[in-house]
Amino acid sequence: MSSDSSASPLAEGLRRALPIVLGYTPVGFAFGVLAVKNNIPPSLAVAMSMLMFSGSGQFVFAGMWGAGAGTLSIMAAVFIVNLRYLLQSAAESPWLVGLPRLQRFLLGLGLTDETFAVHITAFQNGWKRNLTTLFVCNQTTQAAWVGGSAIGAFCGELVTDVKPIGLDYALTAMFIALLVPQCVNRLHVLIAIFTMTLSIALKVAGMSQWNIAVATVVGASLGTALLLYKDKKDAACARRAGTVSSTQLSSAQPSSTPPHTAPTAPDASQSSPGRPPAGGKKQNNSSILTSTGRMTANPDEANS
């Protein structure tokens, strides 16, 4: 998700929070209704949204509370469901380096699946960190969640069933809207389809509570392994290409030693050992062709 560089930090935070608010308000309302129907006091439901701020964890709490589960069982289930925030905070921490511990703690309190998605996408797209934007987005989304929970908790008696008005699908629709912008390449799309298919298959097989968590872990692990393999393969190809280029460049450069040239025949005008130069005093006495064209054996006759 790209951010507008001309927008103020406050406006940017509100812009990021808007689609999340549209999902949190009806889902928070649905939680308030469910909490009251499971014998949770309205004030406690609102307090959970303020202090816990975990949609899936709160729904698990409400369902197990209504089913009469023990305190330790509820705590263990909520802890396991919220373990994903440990991974999300670790993934976001490199972009928060240098901040005081208190500020990082407060940012962690506002971390949810949706705020993590919008923040991490902005960071990956080169957005320069701004605390105002981060805090405005986190607090606006939490205010929407608390407001929706309060309306559902205190006015939930007016709604007998949330399914006819589609509130039960609001959270799913919001997750889909946040997932699509993050599928930026073929690998992301394939992993998303694989994880969705695996989750449905596990649910059909009878794993009704852990199907999403198991499918998410398997899909994320597979995606990480494929990404590491792809990076290693690209690095090997780059090294091979660099080696070939270096070899071609070395062969194209001229040699530092002069090329071997064939010996040339000595000039006839230059003297050589055992052979007098042309026109010298030493002449062959065997025969001399005179200007009259006859041969004479005596060299003195040529001058007569």
Protein backbone atom coordinates (compact mmCIF):
# COMPACT_ATOMS: atom_id res chain seq x y z
CA MET A 1 0.00 0.00 0.00
CA SER A 2 1.64 3.18 -1.12
CA SER A 3 1.32 6.34 0.88
CA ASP A 4 0.85 9.84 -0.41
CA SER A 5 3.99 11.83 0.38
CA SER A 6 2.05 15.13 0.27
CA ALA A 7 -0.43 14.07 3.00
CA SER A 8 0.19 15.07 6.59
CA PRO A 9 1.09 12.34 9.10
CA LEU A 10 -2.32 12.72 10.75
CA ALA A 11 -4.17 12.38 7.45
CA GLU A 12 -2.01 9.43 6.45
CA GLY A 13 -2.81 7.65 9.72
CA LEU A 14 -6.54 8.22 9.23
CA ARG A 15 -6.33 7.06 5.63
CA ARG A 16 -4.73 3.81 6.69
CA ALA A 17 -7.25 3.29 9.47
CA LEU A 18 -10.37 3.90 7.34
CA PRO A 19 -10.73 0.45 5.72
CA ILE A 20 -9.94 -1.21 9.06
CA VAL A 21 -12.55 0.90 10.83
CA LEU A 22 -15.16 -0.19 8.30
CA GLY A 23 -14.43 -3.79 9.26
CA TYR A 24 -13.83 -3.38 12.99
CA THR A 25 -17.06 -1.55 13.79
CA PRO A 26 -19.50 -4.28 12.65
CA VAL A 27 -17.27 -7.10 13.88
CA GLY A 28 -16.93 -5.38 17.27
CA PHE A 29 -20.69 -5.05 17.34
CA ALA A 30 -20.98 -8.79 16.65
CA PHE A 31 -18.58 -9.53 19.50
CA GLY A 32 -20.59 -7.37 21.90
CA VAL A 33 -23.76 -9.23 20.99
CA LEU A 34 -22.03 -12.62 21.33
CA ALA A 35 -20.48 -11.67 24.66
CA VAL A 36 -23.80 -10.69 26.20
CA LYS A 37 -25.47 -13.84 24.88
CA ASN A 38 -22.71 -15.90 26.56
CA ASN A 39 -23.40 -14.31 29.95
CA ILE A 40 -20.53 -11.84 29.88
CA PRO A 41 -21.49 -8.50 31.48
CA PRO A 42 -21.54 -5.59 28.99
CA SER A 43 -18.97 -3.64 30.98
CA LEU A 44 -16.57 -6.61 30.95
CA ALA A 45 -17.02 -7.01 27.19
CA VAL A 46 -16.07 -3.36 26.65
CA ALA A 47 -13.11 -3.70 29.03
CA MET A 48 -11.88 -6.71 27.06
CA SER A 49 -11.92 -4.67 23.85
CA MET A 50 -9.98 -1.88 25.54
CA LEU A 51 -7.34 -4.01 27.29
CA MET A 52 -7.19 -7.18 25.22
CA PHE A 53 -7.84 -5.79 21.72
CA SER A 54 -7.73 -9.17 20.03
CA GLY A 55 -10.70 -10.03 17.87
CA SER A 56 -10.05 -13.75 17.50
CA GLY A 57 -8.93 -14.07 21.12
CA GLN A 58 -12.04 -12.30 22.38
CA PHE A 59 -14.35 -14.48 20.28
CA VAL A 60 -12.58 -17.59 21.61
CA PHE A 61 -12.94 -16.26 25.15
CA ALA A 62 -16.65 -15.55 24.70
CA GLY A 63 -17.36 -18.93 23.14
CA MET A 64 -15.47 -20.92 25.78
CA TRP A 65 -16.92 -18.82 28.59
CA GLY A 66 -20.42 -19.51 27.38
CA ALA A 67 -19.60 -23.24 27.09
CA GLY A 68 -18.49 -23.33 30.75
CA ALA A 69 -14.78 -24.00 30.13
CA GLY A 70 -12.32 -23.58 32.98
CA THR A 71 -10.19 -20.50 33.50
CA LEU A 72 -6.89 -22.23 32.69
CA SER A 73 -8.34 -23.72 29.51
CA ILE A 74 -9.56 -20.32 28.35
CA MET A 75 -6.21 -18.71 29.13
CA ALA A 76 -4.30 -21.42 27.25
CA ALA A 77 -6.57 -21.19 24.22
CA VAL A 78 -6.38 -17.40 24.04
CA PHE A 79 -2.59 -17.52 24.47
CA ILE A 80 -2.17 -19.97 21.60
CA VAL A 81 -4.49 -18.00 19.33
CA ASN A 82 -2.57 -14.78 20.02
CA LEU A 83 0.89 -16.30 19.47
CA ARG A 84 0.87 -14.90 15.93
CA TYR A 85 1.39 -11.43 17.37
CA LEU A 86 4.83 -12.56 18.53
CA LEU A 87 5.80 -13.27 14.93
CA GLN A 88 4.21 -10.08 13.65
CA SER A 89 5.99 -7.88 16.17
CA ALA A 90 9.31 -9.56 15.36
CA ALA A 91 8.75 -8.94 11.65
CA GLU A 92 7.95 -5.27 12.24
CA SER A 93 10.77 -4.64 14.74
CA PRO A 94 13.53 -3.90 12.16
CA TRP A 95 11.67 -0.74 11.12
CA LEU A 96 11.29 0.38 14.76
CA VAL A 97 14.98 0.26 15.62
CA GLY A 98 16.12 3.33 17.54
CA LEU A 99 12.78 4.08 19.21
CA PRO A 100 12.59 4.23 23.02
CA ARG A 101 11.30 1.09 24.69
CA LEU A 102 8.13 2.79 25.90
CA GLN A 103 7.16 3.87 22.39
CA ARG A 104 7.76 0.39 21.02
CA PHE A 105 5.67 -1.03 23.87
CA LEU A 106 2.77 1.30 23.06
CA LEU A 107 3.00 0.45 19.37
CA GLY A 108 2.91 -3.22 20.31
CA LEU A 109 -0.32 -2.73 22.25
CA GLY A 110 -1.99 -1.52 19.07
CA LEU A 111 -0.68 -4.36 16.91
CA THR A 112 -3.36 -6.42 15.19
CA ASP A 113 -3.49 -8.46 12.01
CA GLU A 114 -4.88 -5.50 10.09
CA THR A 115 -2.62 -2.74 11.44
CA PHE A 116 0.38 -5.02 10.92
CA ALA A 117 -0.66 -5.56 7.30
CA VAL A 118 -0.98 -1.85 6.46
CA HIS A 119 2.20 -0.83 8.33
CA ILE A 120 4.44 -3.58 7.01
CA THR A 121 3.23 -2.98 3.46
CA ALA A 122 4.05 0.72 3.75
CA PHE A 123 7.51 -0.04 5.16
CA GLN A 124 8.26 -2.50 2.37
CA ASN A 125 7.25 0.13 -0.19
CA GLY A 126 9.85 2.55 1.17
CA TRP A 127 7.68 4.61 3.49
CA LYS A 128 9.70 6.71 5.94
CA ARG A 129 8.69 5.98 9.54
CA ASN A 130 6.49 8.53 11.27
CA LEU A 131 5.25 7.93 14.81
CA THR A 132 2.22 10.17 14.38
CA THR A 133 0.97 8.07 11.49
CA LEU A 134 1.56 4.82 13.36
CA PHE A 135 -0.15 5.90 16.57
CA VAL A 136 -3.08 7.60 14.82
CA CYS A 137 -3.78 4.49 12.78
CA ASN A 138 -3.52 2.14 15.78
CA GLN A 139 -5.62 4.26 18.13
CA THR A 140 -8.29 5.01 15.53
CA THR A 141 -8.78 1.34 14.77
CA GLN A 142 -8.94 0.46 18.47
CA ALA A 143 -11.48 3.21 19.07
CA ALA A 144 -13.65 1.73 16.31
CA TRP A 145 -13.33 -1.74 17.84
CA VAL A 146 -14.21 -0.52 21.33
CA GLY A 147 -17.10 1.56 20.00
CA GLY A 148 -18.56 -1.34 18.05
CA SER A 149 -18.19 -3.64 21.06
CA ALA A 150 -19.92 -1.14 23.33
CA ILE A 151 -22.84 -0.73 20.95
CA GLY A 152 -23.21 -4.49 20.57
CA ALA A 153 -22.89 -5.14 24.31
CA PHE A 154 -25.37 -2.52 25.47
CA CYS A 155 -27.76 -2.76 22.52
CA GLY A 156 -27.28 -6.41 21.66
CA GLU A 157 -30.67 -7.39 23.03
CA LEU A 158 -32.24 -5.67 20.04
CA VAL A 159 -30.47 -8.07 17.65
CA THR A 160 -31.44 -11.72 17.90
CA ASP A 161 -29.14 -12.98 15.11
CA VAL A 162 -26.26 -11.20 13.35
CA LYS A 163 -26.18 -13.52 10.32
CA PRO A 164 -29.14 -12.00 8.42
CA ILE A 165 -27.40 -8.61 8.31
CA GLY A 166 -24.05 -10.10 7.29
CA LEU A 167 -22.06 -9.06 10.34
CA ASP A 168 -20.58 -12.53 10.68
CA TYR A 169 -18.88 -12.12 7.28
CA ALA A 170 -17.46 -8.64 7.93
CA LEU A 171 -14.20 -9.93 9.40
CA THR A 172 -13.66 -12.37 6.54
CA ALA A 173 -14.30 -9.64 3.97
CA MET A 174 -11.84 -7.33 5.71
CA PHE A 175 -9.11 -10.00 5.70
CA ILE A 176 -9.64 -10.57 1.98
CA ALA A 177 -9.36 -6.84 1.31
CA LEU A 178 -6.08 -6.72 3.24
CA LEU A 179 -4.69 -9.87 1.63
CA VAL A 180 -5.14 -8.88 -2.01
CA PRO A 181 -2.74 -5.87 -2.03
CA GLN A 182 -0.01 -8.03 -0.49
CA CYS A 183 -0.10 -10.61 -3.29
CA VAL A 184 2.45 -8.76 -5.38
CA ASN A 185 3.95 -11.73 -7.26
CA ARG A 186 3.14 -15.25 -8.38
CA LEU A 187 4.64 -16.87 -5.27
CA HIS A 188 2.38 -14.87 -2.94
CA VAL A 189 -0.71 -15.82 -4.96
CA LEU A 190 0.20 -19.52 -5.00
CA ILE A 191 0.87 -19.60 -1.25
CA ALA A 192 -2.41 -17.80 -0.53
CA ILE A 193 -4.36 -20.29 -2.64
CA PHE A 194 -2.52 -23.23 -1.07
CA THR A 195 -3.17 -22.00 2.47
CA MET A 196 -6.85 -21.37 1.77
CA THR A 197 -7.27 -24.82 0.22
CA LEU A 198 -5.47 -26.51 3.10
CA SER A 199 -7.60 -24.69 5.69
CA ILE A 200 -10.82 -25.78 3.98
CA ALA A 201 -9.55 -29.35 3.66
CA LEU A 202 -8.63 -29.50 7.35
CA LYS A 203 -12.04 -28.16 8.34
CA VAL A 204 -13.80 -30.75 6.18
CA ALA A 205 -11.60 -33.42 7.76
CA GLY A 206 -12.89 -32.47 11.21
CA MET A 207 -10.35 -29.91 12.47
CA SER A 208 -12.86 -27.17 13.18
CA GLN A 209 -10.87 -25.00 15.61
CA TRP A 210 -7.24 -25.34 14.54
CA ASN A 211 -7.61 -25.50 10.76
CA ILE A 212 -6.77 -21.83 10.18
CA ALA A 213 -3.78 -21.82 12.54
CA VAL A 214 -2.31 -25.04 11.13
CA ALA A 215 -2.85 -23.96 7.52
CA THR A 216 -1.27 -20.58 8.25
CA VAL A 217 1.86 -22.13 9.79
CA VAL A 218 2.24 -24.65 6.97
CA GLY A 219 1.64 -22.05 4.26
CA ALA A 220 4.03 -19.54 5.80
CA SER A 221 6.72 -22.20 6.22
CA LEU A 222 6.32 -23.36 2.64
CA GLY A 223 6.43 -19.79 1.35
CA THR A 224 9.59 -19.04 3.35
CA ALA A 225 11.31 -22.19 2.08
CA LEU A 226 10.42 -21.42 -1.54
CA LEU A 227 11.54 -17.81 -1.16
CA LEU A 228 14.90 -18.85 0.29
CA TYR A 229 15.35 -21.39 -2.52
CA LYS A 230 14.51 -18.76 -5.12
CA ASP A 231 16.97 -16.27 -3.61
CA LYS A 232 19.72 -18.89 -3.50
CA LYS A 233 19.04 -19.87 -7.12
CA ASP A 234 19.09 -16.25 -8.28
CA ALA A 235 22.37 -15.66 -6.44
CA ALA A 236 23.95 -18.71 -8.10
CA CYS A 237 22.79 -17.55 -11.54
CA ALA A 238 24.19 -14.09 -10.87
CA ARG A 239 27.55 -15.55 -9.88
CA ARG A 240 27.69 -17.69 -13.03
CA ALA A 241 26.78 -14.72 -15.19
CA GLY A 242 29.50 -12.65 -13.54
CA THR A 243 32.10 -15.38 -14.14
CA VAL A 244 31.19 -15.67 -17.83
CA SER A 245 31.33 -11.89 -18.27
CA SER A 246 34.78 -11.73 -16.62
CA THR A 247 36.07 -14.50 -18.88
CA GLN A 248 34.78 -12.81 -22.02
CA LEU A 249 36.24 -9.48 -20.94
CA SER A 250 39.66 -11.02 -20.29
CA SER A 251 39.72 -12.70 -23.69
CA ALA A 252 38.73 -9.48 -25.44
CA GLN A 253 41.64 -7.46 -23.97
CA PRO A 254 44.89 -7.26 -26.10
CA SER A 255 47.91 -9.24 -24.89
CA SER A 256 50.71 -7.34 -23.16
CA THR A 257 53.41 -9.14 -25.21
CA PRO A 258 53.86 -8.21 -28.90
CA PRO A 259 52.62 -10.83 -31.33
CA HIS A 260 55.19 -13.10 -33.00
CA THR A 261 56.13 -11.88 -36.47
CA ALA A 262 57.67 -13.94 -39.18
CA PRO A 263 61.31 -13.08 -39.93
CA THR A 264 61.76 -10.92 -43.00
CA ALA A 265 64.38 -11.53 -45.66
CA PRO A 266 67.42 -9.29 -45.33
CA ASP A 267 67.66 -6.36 -47.67
CA ALA A 268 69.85 -6.95 -50.63
CA SER A 269 71.53 -3.62 -49.98
CA GLN A 270 72.65 -4.73 -46.55
CA SER A 271 75.77 -6.74 -46.24
CA SER A 272 75.79 -10.16 -44.73
CA PRO A 273 78.63 -12.36 -43.57
CA GLY A 274 80.37 -14.08 -46.50
CA ARG A 275 78.61 -12.00 -49.15
CA PRO A 276 79.95 -8.68 -50.41
CA PRO A 277 77.55 -5.88 -51.08
CA ALA A 278 76.32 -5.29 -54.58
CA GLY A 279 78.59 -2.91 -56.47
CA GLY A 280 81.64 -3.69 -54.25
CA LYS A 281 85.23 -4.13 -55.37
CA LYS A 282 85.22 -7.90 -55.13
CA GLN A 283 83.76 -9.35 -58.28
CA ASN A 284 83.35 -12.77 -59.76
CA ASN A 285 86.27 -13.45 -62.17
CA SER A 286 84.55 -16.32 -63.96
CA SER A 287 82.95 -14.13 -66.55
CA ILE A 288 81.96 -10.52 -67.19
CA LEU A 289 79.45 -9.35 -69.75
CA THR A 290 80.89 -6.38 -71.56
CA SER A 291 79.01 -3.59 -73.11
CA THR A 292 79.53 -5.24 -76.54
CA GLY A 293 77.68 -8.31 -75.33
CA ARG A 294 80.57 -10.83 -75.48
CA MET A 295 81.87 -12.75 -72.58
CA THR A 296 85.42 -12.35 -71.38
CA ALA A 297 87.24 -14.28 -68.74
CA ASN A 298 89.71 -11.55 -67.96
CA PRO A 299 88.36 -8.73 -65.95
CA ASP A 300 91.03 -6.36 -67.30
CA GLU A 301 89.67 -6.75 -70.79
CA ALA A 302 86.43 -5.19 -69.74
CA ASN A 303 88.21 -1.88 -69.26
CA SER A 304 90.09 -2.01 -72.62
